[in-house]
N, C-alpha and C. Protein backbone atom coordinates (compact mmCIF):
# COMPACT_ATOMS: atom_id res chain seq x y z
N MET A 1 -45.43 -51.05 -30.65
CA MET A 1 -44.32 -51.84 -31.12
C MET A 1 -44.98 -52.86 -32.21
N GLN A 2 -46.24 -53.36 -31.83
CA GLN A 2 -46.93 -54.33 -32.76
C GLN A 2 -47.19 -53.66 -34.27
N HIS A 3 -47.35 -52.44 -34.30
CA HIS A 3 -47.55 -51.93 -35.60
C HIS A 3 -46.41 -51.20 -36.11
N GLN A 4 -45.30 -51.26 -35.35
CA GLN A 4 -44.03 -50.37 -35.81
C GLN A 4 -44.32 -49.03 -36.08
N ILE A 5 -44.93 -48.33 -35.19
CA ILE A 5 -45.25 -46.87 -35.20
C ILE A 5 -44.09 -46.37 -34.39
N ASN A 6 -43.45 -45.27 -35.08
CA ASN A 6 -42.29 -44.70 -34.40
C ASN A 6 -42.85 -43.77 -33.26
N PRO A 7 -42.49 -43.95 -31.88
CA PRO A 7 -43.20 -43.19 -30.86
C PRO A 7 -42.74 -41.76 -30.87
N ASP A 8 -41.85 -41.23 -31.68
CA ASP A 8 -41.64 -39.88 -31.87
C ASP A 8 -42.51 -39.13 -32.76
N LEU A 9 -43.36 -39.79 -33.50
CA LEU A 9 -44.33 -39.21 -34.32
C LEU A 9 -45.46 -38.52 -33.53
N LYS A 10 -46.12 -37.57 -34.11
CA LYS A 10 -47.21 -36.83 -33.36
C LYS A 10 -48.43 -37.63 -33.58
N ILE A 11 -49.23 -38.01 -32.65
CA ILE A 11 -50.39 -38.58 -32.95
C ILE A 11 -51.71 -37.70 -32.42
N ILE A 12 -52.63 -37.32 -33.30
CA ILE A 12 -53.77 -36.48 -33.16
C ILE A 12 -55.03 -37.35 -33.17
N MET A 13 -55.90 -37.05 -32.29
CA MET A 13 -57.24 -37.70 -32.41
C MET A 13 -58.15 -36.56 -32.86
N ILE A 14 -58.98 -37.17 -33.83
CA ILE A 14 -60.05 -36.34 -34.47
C ILE A 14 -60.99 -35.94 -33.36
N PRO A 15 -61.39 -34.82 -33.26
CA PRO A 15 -62.28 -34.17 -32.28
C PRO A 15 -63.75 -34.51 -32.60
N GLU A 16 -64.74 -34.35 -31.74
CA GLU A 16 -66.03 -34.37 -32.01
C GLU A 16 -66.51 -33.29 -32.83
N GLN A 17 -67.41 -33.60 -33.77
CA GLN A 17 -67.85 -32.67 -34.72
C GLN A 17 -68.68 -31.51 -34.05
N ALA A 18 -68.57 -30.39 -34.58
CA ALA A 18 -69.32 -29.02 -34.03
C ALA A 18 -70.68 -29.25 -34.62
N THR A 19 -71.01 -29.74 -35.73
CA THR A 19 -72.27 -29.92 -36.20
C THR A 19 -72.75 -31.30 -35.95
N LYS A 20 -73.90 -31.32 -35.40
CA LYS A 20 -74.49 -32.59 -34.97
C LYS A 20 -75.52 -33.14 -35.67
N THR A 21 -75.40 -33.10 -37.06
CA THR A 21 -76.50 -33.70 -38.01
C THR A 21 -76.02 -34.84 -38.62
N PRO A 22 -76.74 -35.81 -39.07
CA PRO A 22 -76.22 -36.97 -39.53
C PRO A 22 -75.42 -36.85 -40.88
N SER A 23 -75.70 -35.91 -41.65
CA SER A 23 -75.00 -35.75 -43.02
C SER A 23 -73.66 -34.96 -42.84
N SER A 24 -73.45 -34.45 -41.61
CA SER A 24 -72.12 -33.67 -41.44
C SER A 24 -71.09 -34.76 -41.37
N GLU A 25 -69.84 -34.40 -41.91
CA GLU A 25 -68.70 -35.41 -41.68
C GLU A 25 -67.37 -34.60 -41.96
N PHE A 26 -66.24 -35.19 -41.48
CA PHE A 26 -64.88 -34.50 -41.85
C PHE A 26 -64.48 -35.04 -43.17
N ARG A 27 -63.84 -34.30 -44.01
CA ARG A 27 -63.32 -34.71 -45.20
C ARG A 27 -61.82 -34.15 -45.29
N LEU A 28 -61.00 -34.89 -46.03
CA LEU A 28 -59.63 -34.58 -46.29
C LEU A 28 -59.73 -34.15 -47.60
N ILE A 29 -59.03 -32.79 -47.74
CA ILE A 29 -59.15 -32.19 -49.06
C ILE A 29 -57.72 -31.56 -49.35
N GLU A 30 -57.39 -31.85 -50.65
CA GLU A 30 -56.28 -31.12 -51.23
C GLU A 30 -56.57 -29.72 -52.01
N ASP A 31 -56.03 -28.73 -51.46
CA ASP A 31 -56.57 -27.50 -51.99
C ASP A 31 -55.89 -27.09 -53.30
N HIS A 32 -54.87 -27.65 -53.66
CA HIS A 32 -54.06 -27.37 -55.07
C HIS A 32 -53.75 -25.82 -55.08
N GLU A 33 -53.28 -25.41 -53.84
CA GLU A 33 -52.68 -24.02 -53.77
C GLU A 33 -53.83 -22.98 -54.10
N SER A 34 -54.99 -23.28 -53.95
CA SER A 34 -56.19 -22.25 -54.22
C SER A 34 -57.04 -22.09 -53.02
N ASP A 35 -57.53 -20.93 -52.66
CA ASP A 35 -58.38 -20.62 -51.74
C ASP A 35 -59.92 -20.88 -52.28
N ASP A 36 -60.05 -21.17 -53.68
CA ASP A 36 -61.24 -21.25 -54.44
C ASP A 36 -61.70 -22.78 -54.21
N LYS A 37 -62.76 -23.00 -53.42
CA LYS A 37 -63.18 -24.37 -53.24
C LYS A 37 -63.46 -25.21 -54.47
N LYS A 38 -63.83 -24.50 -55.50
CA LYS A 38 -64.21 -25.27 -56.81
C LYS A 38 -62.94 -26.12 -57.29
N TYR A 39 -61.76 -25.65 -56.97
CA TYR A 39 -60.51 -26.42 -57.40
C TYR A 39 -60.03 -27.43 -56.41
N TRP A 40 -60.55 -27.63 -55.25
CA TRP A 40 -60.26 -28.55 -54.36
C TRP A 40 -60.72 -29.96 -54.73
N THR A 41 -60.01 -31.00 -54.39
CA THR A 41 -60.33 -32.32 -54.61
C THR A 41 -60.22 -33.06 -53.24
N GLU A 42 -60.99 -34.06 -53.10
CA GLU A 42 -61.13 -34.88 -51.87
C GLU A 42 -60.07 -35.94 -52.13
N VAL A 43 -59.31 -36.21 -51.01
CA VAL A 43 -58.04 -37.17 -51.05
C VAL A 43 -58.76 -38.64 -50.98
N LYS A 44 -58.28 -39.40 -51.89
CA LYS A 44 -58.74 -40.77 -52.01
C LYS A 44 -57.59 -41.69 -51.87
N LEU A 45 -58.00 -42.90 -51.39
CA LEU A 45 -57.04 -43.99 -51.37
C LEU A 45 -57.78 -45.27 -51.80
N ASN A 46 -57.10 -45.74 -52.95
CA ASN A 46 -57.78 -46.85 -53.59
C ASN A 46 -59.26 -46.47 -54.09
N ASP A 47 -59.19 -45.26 -54.67
CA ASP A 47 -60.59 -44.70 -55.07
C ASP A 47 -61.67 -44.45 -54.05
N ILE A 48 -61.39 -44.53 -52.88
CA ILE A 48 -62.21 -44.39 -51.76
C ILE A 48 -61.83 -43.11 -51.06
N GLU A 49 -62.82 -42.07 -50.71
CA GLU A 49 -62.58 -40.98 -50.14
C GLU A 49 -62.12 -41.20 -48.60
N LEU A 50 -61.08 -40.48 -48.19
CA LEU A 50 -60.63 -40.69 -46.78
C LEU A 50 -61.52 -39.71 -45.91
N ARG A 51 -62.43 -40.34 -45.15
CA ARG A 51 -63.32 -39.34 -44.28
C ARG A 51 -63.21 -39.85 -42.90
N PRO A 52 -62.41 -39.26 -42.08
CA PRO A 52 -62.11 -39.71 -40.73
C PRO A 52 -63.29 -39.37 -39.82
N SER A 53 -63.50 -40.14 -38.71
CA SER A 53 -64.56 -39.96 -37.83
C SER A 53 -64.08 -39.54 -36.34
N PRO A 54 -64.82 -38.81 -35.67
CA PRO A 54 -64.52 -38.39 -34.38
C PRO A 54 -63.87 -39.63 -33.70
N GLY A 55 -62.77 -39.48 -32.99
CA GLY A 55 -62.04 -40.55 -32.23
C GLY A 55 -61.07 -41.17 -33.05
N ASP A 56 -60.95 -40.98 -34.32
CA ASP A 56 -60.00 -41.79 -35.27
C ASP A 56 -58.73 -40.96 -34.91
N PHE A 57 -57.70 -41.59 -35.29
CA PHE A 57 -56.30 -41.03 -35.01
C PHE A 57 -55.53 -40.71 -36.40
N LEU A 58 -54.86 -39.65 -36.40
CA LEU A 58 -53.90 -39.31 -37.47
C LEU A 58 -52.56 -39.33 -36.90
N ILE A 59 -51.62 -40.00 -37.63
CA ILE A 59 -50.29 -40.17 -37.28
C ILE A 59 -49.54 -39.20 -38.17
N MET A 60 -48.91 -38.22 -37.62
CA MET A 60 -48.21 -37.14 -38.30
C MET A 60 -46.64 -37.37 -38.37
N LYS A 61 -46.11 -37.20 -39.50
CA LYS A 61 -44.65 -37.28 -39.67
C LYS A 61 -44.05 -35.94 -39.14
């Protein structure tokens, strides 16, 4: 209620990483309808990449 989050939305917790090295991380990528990774771009908010960490939550519409 405090954050006005609709309780009917799906909330997902980011799992632990399968790779346990310090440089491994999750990234949110827009694929631009291509399976070729060279066309993918990382999603940014205010020019900062969105990189969720294990235990973070995604609220899905």
